[in-house]
Amino acid sequence: MESKVVRNYNAEKVGMRIKKIRKMYGDTQAELAEYLDLSDDSIYKIEHGKQTCMPDCAARICDRYYVNADYLYYGLGIEDVVGNNVEIDRINNMLKICSRNDLERIEQLLKLFLKI
């Protein structure tokens, strides 16, 4: 007979993980609230376990911070989703909004900086 793994939603733990990830990426509650189209107060309540993080918001948080729902809801797989590459992810996000000219200039600067 197979044993079932039971995972219960814990709003406080989910909120703590959201807060941890948000801070790792340098976002304020206001910035996350704007991204999710929520109030600052809603983010505060979610992070303190006083309000449930609805699935649509959870999905957007996962996209923004490169985590999966298993981590967000249950704390599983942290080693796969949060490593030493937070800075690289942050830089990649900035590069996504650059023009071609900006990218060429950044490449030149990197070559000078890295001496390659």
C-alpha atoms as a PDB file:
ATOM      1  CA  MET A   1       0.000   0.000   0.000  1.00  0.00           C
ATOM      2  CA  GLU A   2       1.382   3.408  -1.033  1.00  0.00           C
ATOM      3  CA  SER A   3       1.791   6.058   1.594  1.00  0.00           C
ATOM      4  CA  LYS A   4       0.588   9.523   0.694  1.00  0.00           C
ATOM      5  CA  VAL A   5       2.662  12.568   1.400  1.00  0.00           C
ATOM      6  CA  VAL A   6       0.448  15.194   2.960  1.00  0.00           C
ATOM      7  CA  ARG A   7       1.464  18.795   2.564  1.00  0.00           C
ATOM      8  CA  ASN A   8      -0.582  21.421   4.291  1.00  0.00           C
ATOM      9  CA  TYR A   9      -0.640  25.073   3.333  1.00  0.00           C
ATOM     10  CA  ASN A  10       0.898  27.218   6.058  1.00  0.00           C
ATOM     11  CA  ALA A  11       0.291  30.903   5.388  1.00  0.00           C
ATOM     12  CA  GLU A  12       2.995  32.050   7.803  1.00  0.00           C
ATOM     13  CA  LYS A  13       5.684  29.882   6.199  1.00  0.00           C
ATOM     14  CA  VAL A  14       4.603  30.881   2.689  1.00  0.00           C
ATOM     15  CA  GLY A  15       4.773  34.529   3.729  1.00  0.00           C
ATOM     16  CA  MET A  16       8.239  34.083   5.233  1.00  0.00           C
ATOM     17  CA  ARG A  17       9.492  32.505   2.003  1.00  0.00           C
ATOM     18  CA  ILE A  18       7.989  35.298  -0.102  1.00  0.00           C
ATOM     19  CA  LYS A  19       9.607  37.902   2.126  1.00  0.00           C
ATOM     20  CA  LYS A  20      12.971  36.108   1.981  1.00  0.00           C
ATOM     21  CA  ILE A  21      12.947  35.867  -1.816  1.00  0.00           C
ATOM     22  CA  ARG A  22      11.703  39.451  -2.217  1.00  0.00           C
ATOM     23  CA  LYS A  23      14.520  40.767  -0.044  1.00  0.00           C
ATOM     24  CA  MET A  24      17.123  38.614  -1.821  1.00  0.00           C
ATOM     25  CA  TYR A  25      16.156  40.329  -5.061  1.00  0.00           C
ATOM     26  CA  GLY A  26      16.211  43.754  -3.441  1.00  0.00           C
ATOM     27  CA  ASP A  27      12.520  44.529  -3.928  1.00  0.00           C
ATOM     28  CA  THR A  28      10.467  46.500  -1.442  1.00  0.00           C
ATOM     29  CA  GLN A  29       6.945  45.526  -0.445  1.00  0.00           C
ATOM     30  CA  ALA A  30       5.740  48.478  -2.518  1.00  0.00           C
ATOM     31  CA  GLU A  31       7.563  47.230  -5.633  1.00  0.00           C
ATOM     32  CA  LEU A  32       6.140  43.731  -5.266  1.00  0.00           C
ATOM     33  CA  ALA A  33       2.687  45.180  -4.589  1.00  0.00           C
ATOM     34  CA  GLU A  34       2.861  47.242  -7.777  1.00  0.00           C
ATOM     35  CA  TYR A  35       4.017  44.210  -9.793  1.00  0.00           C
ATOM     36  CA  LEU A  36       1.140  42.109  -8.442  1.00  0.00           C
ATOM     37  CA  ASP A  37      -1.370  44.981  -8.643  1.00  0.00           C
ATOM     38  CA  LEU A  38      -2.013  44.713  -4.901  1.00  0.00           C
ATOM     39  CA  SER A  39      -1.783  47.185  -2.045  1.00  0.00           C
ATOM     40  CA  ASP A  40       1.322  47.455   0.128  1.00  0.00           C
ATOM     41  CA  ASP A  41      -0.891  46.357   3.017  1.00  0.00           C
ATOM     42  CA  SER A  42      -1.798  43.147   1.166  1.00  0.00           C
ATOM     43  CA  ILE A  43       1.880  42.271   0.729  1.00  0.00           C
ATOM     44  CA  TYR A  44       2.466  42.954   4.428  1.00  0.00           C
ATOM     45  CA  LYS A  45      -0.457  40.663   5.342  1.00  0.00           C
ATOM     46  CA  ILE A  46       0.723  37.899   2.989  1.00  0.00           C
ATOM     47  CA  GLU A  47       4.281  38.071   4.328  1.00  0.00           C
ATOM     48  CA  HIS A  48       3.006  37.843   7.912  1.00  0.00           C
ATOM     49  CA  GLY A  49       0.593  34.967   7.249  1.00  0.00           C
ATOM     50  CA  LYS A  50      -2.514  37.074   7.814  1.00  0.00           C
ATOM     51  CA  GLN A  51      -3.715  36.765   4.218  1.00  0.00           C
ATOM     52  CA  THR A  52      -3.549  33.834   1.811  1.00  0.00           C
ATOM     53  CA  CYS A  53      -1.354  34.198  -1.241  1.00  0.00           C
ATOM     54  CA  MET A  54      -3.777  33.434  -4.043  1.00  0.00           C
ATOM     55  CA  PRO A  55      -2.581  31.084  -6.814  1.00  0.00           C
ATOM     56  CA  ASP A  56      -2.480  33.805  -9.484  1.00  0.00           C
ATOM     57  CA  CYS A  57      -0.218  35.952  -7.274  1.00  0.00           C
ATOM     58  CA  ALA A  58       1.890  32.944  -6.334  1.00  0.00           C
ATOM     59  CA  ALA A  59       2.434  32.156 -10.024  1.00  0.00           C
ATOM     60  CA  ARG A  60       3.550  35.727 -10.725  1.00  0.00           C
ATOM     61  CA  ILE A  61       5.869  35.682  -7.696  1.00  0.00           C
ATOM     62  CA  CYS A  62       7.402  32.439  -8.987  1.00  0.00           C
ATOM     63  CA  ASP A  63       7.999  34.048 -12.382  1.00  0.00           C
ATOM     64  CA  ARG A  64       9.479  37.223 -10.942  1.00  0.00           C
ATOM     65  CA  TYR A  65      11.867  35.521  -8.550  1.00  0.00           C
ATOM     66  CA  TYR A  66      12.666  32.325 -10.473  1.00  0.00           C
ATOM     67  CA  VAL A  67      11.268  29.957  -7.863  1.00  0.00           C
ATOM     68  CA  ASN A  68       8.760  27.162  -8.242  1.00  0.00           C
ATOM     69  CA  ALA A  69       5.473  26.659  -6.428  1.00  0.00           C
ATOM     70  CA  ASP A  70       6.860  23.687  -4.478  1.00  0.00           C
ATOM     71  CA  TYR A  71       9.381  26.008  -2.906  1.00  0.00           C
ATOM     72  CA  LEU A  72       6.927  28.831  -2.348  1.00  0.00           C
ATOM     73  CA  TYR A  73       4.194  26.697  -0.792  1.00  0.00           C
ATOM     74  CA  TYR A  74       6.176  23.921   0.879  1.00  0.00           C
ATOM     75  CA  GLY A  75       9.830  24.966   1.026  1.00  0.00           C
ATOM     76  CA  LEU A  76      10.903  22.126  -1.275  1.00  0.00           C
ATOM     77  CA  GLY A  77      13.762  22.379  -3.736  1.00  0.00           C
ATOM     78  CA  ILE A  78      15.381  25.497  -2.357  1.00  0.00           C
ATOM     79  CA  GLU A  79      18.819  24.326  -3.451  1.00  0.00           C
ATOM     80  CA  ASP A  80      17.551  24.198  -7.027  1.00  0.00           C
ATOM     81  CA  VAL A  81      15.892  27.587  -7.089  1.00  0.00           C
ATOM     82  CA  VAL A  82      17.943  29.837  -4.827  1.00  0.00           C
ATOM     83  CA  GLY A  83      21.634  29.496  -5.231  1.00  0.00           C
ATOM     84  CA  ASN A  84      24.533  31.810  -5.700  1.00  0.00           C
ATOM     85  CA  ASN A  85      23.060  33.136  -8.930  1.00  0.00           C
ATOM     86  CA  VAL A  86      20.707  35.759  -7.514  1.00  0.00           C
ATOM     87  CA  GLU A  87      23.009  38.523  -8.713  1.00  0.00           C
ATOM     88  CA  ILE A  88      23.206  36.991 -12.194  1.00  0.00           C
ATOM     89  CA  ASP A  89      19.411  36.728 -12.338  1.00  0.00           C
ATOM     90  CA  ARG A  90      19.094  40.373 -11.295  1.00  0.00           C
ATOM     91  CA  ILE A  91      21.552  41.441 -14.006  1.00  0.00           C
ATOM     92  CA  ASN A  92      19.769  39.308 -16.621  1.00  0.00           C
ATOM     93  CA  ASN A  93      16.495  41.002 -15.751  1.00  0.00           C
ATOM     94  CA  MET A  94      18.081  44.406 -16.287  1.00  0.00           C
ATOM     95  CA  LEU A  95      19.579  43.311 -19.598  1.00  0.00           C
ATOM     96  CA  LYS A  96      16.169  42.216 -20.897  1.00  0.00           C
ATOM     97  CA  ILE A  97      15.017  45.824 -21.104  1.00  0.00           C
ATOM     98  CA  CYS A  98      18.135  47.203 -22.783  1.00  0.00           C
ATOM     99  CA  SER A  99      18.261  48.363 -26.380  1.00  0.00           C
ATOM    100  CA  ARG A 100      20.667  46.804 -28.850  1.00  0.00           C
ATOM    101  CA  ASN A 101      22.969  49.838 -28.512  1.00  0.00           C
ATOM    102  CA  ASP A 102      22.929  49.563 -24.734  1.00  0.00           C
ATOM    103  CA  LEU A 103      23.772  45.855 -24.941  1.00  0.00           C
ATOM    104  CA  GLU A 104      26.708  46.538 -27.262  1.00  0.00           C
ATOM    105  CA  ARG A 105      28.057  49.185 -24.881  1.00  0.00           C
ATOM    106  CA  ILE A 106      27.595  46.892 -21.894  1.00  0.00           C
ATOM    107  CA  GLU A 107      29.440  44.112 -23.738  1.00  0.00           C
ATOM    108  CA  GLN A 108      32.353  46.463 -24.435  1.00  0.00           C
ATOM    109  CA  LEU A 109      32.476  47.530 -20.788  1.00  0.00           C
ATOM    110  CA  LEU A 110      32.421  43.920 -19.613  1.00  0.00           C
ATOM    111  CA  LYS A 111      35.276  43.041 -21.925  1.00  0.00           C
ATOM    112  CA  LEU A 112      37.311  45.924 -20.533  1.00  0.00           C
ATOM    113  CA  PHE A 113      36.375  45.143 -16.948  1.00  0.00           C
ATOM    114  CA  LEU A 114      37.078  41.401 -17.285  1.00  0.00           C
ATOM    115  CA  LYS A 115      40.138  41.996 -19.472  1.00  0.00           C
ATOM    116  CA  ILE A 116      38.985  39.609 -22.201  1.00  0.00           C
END
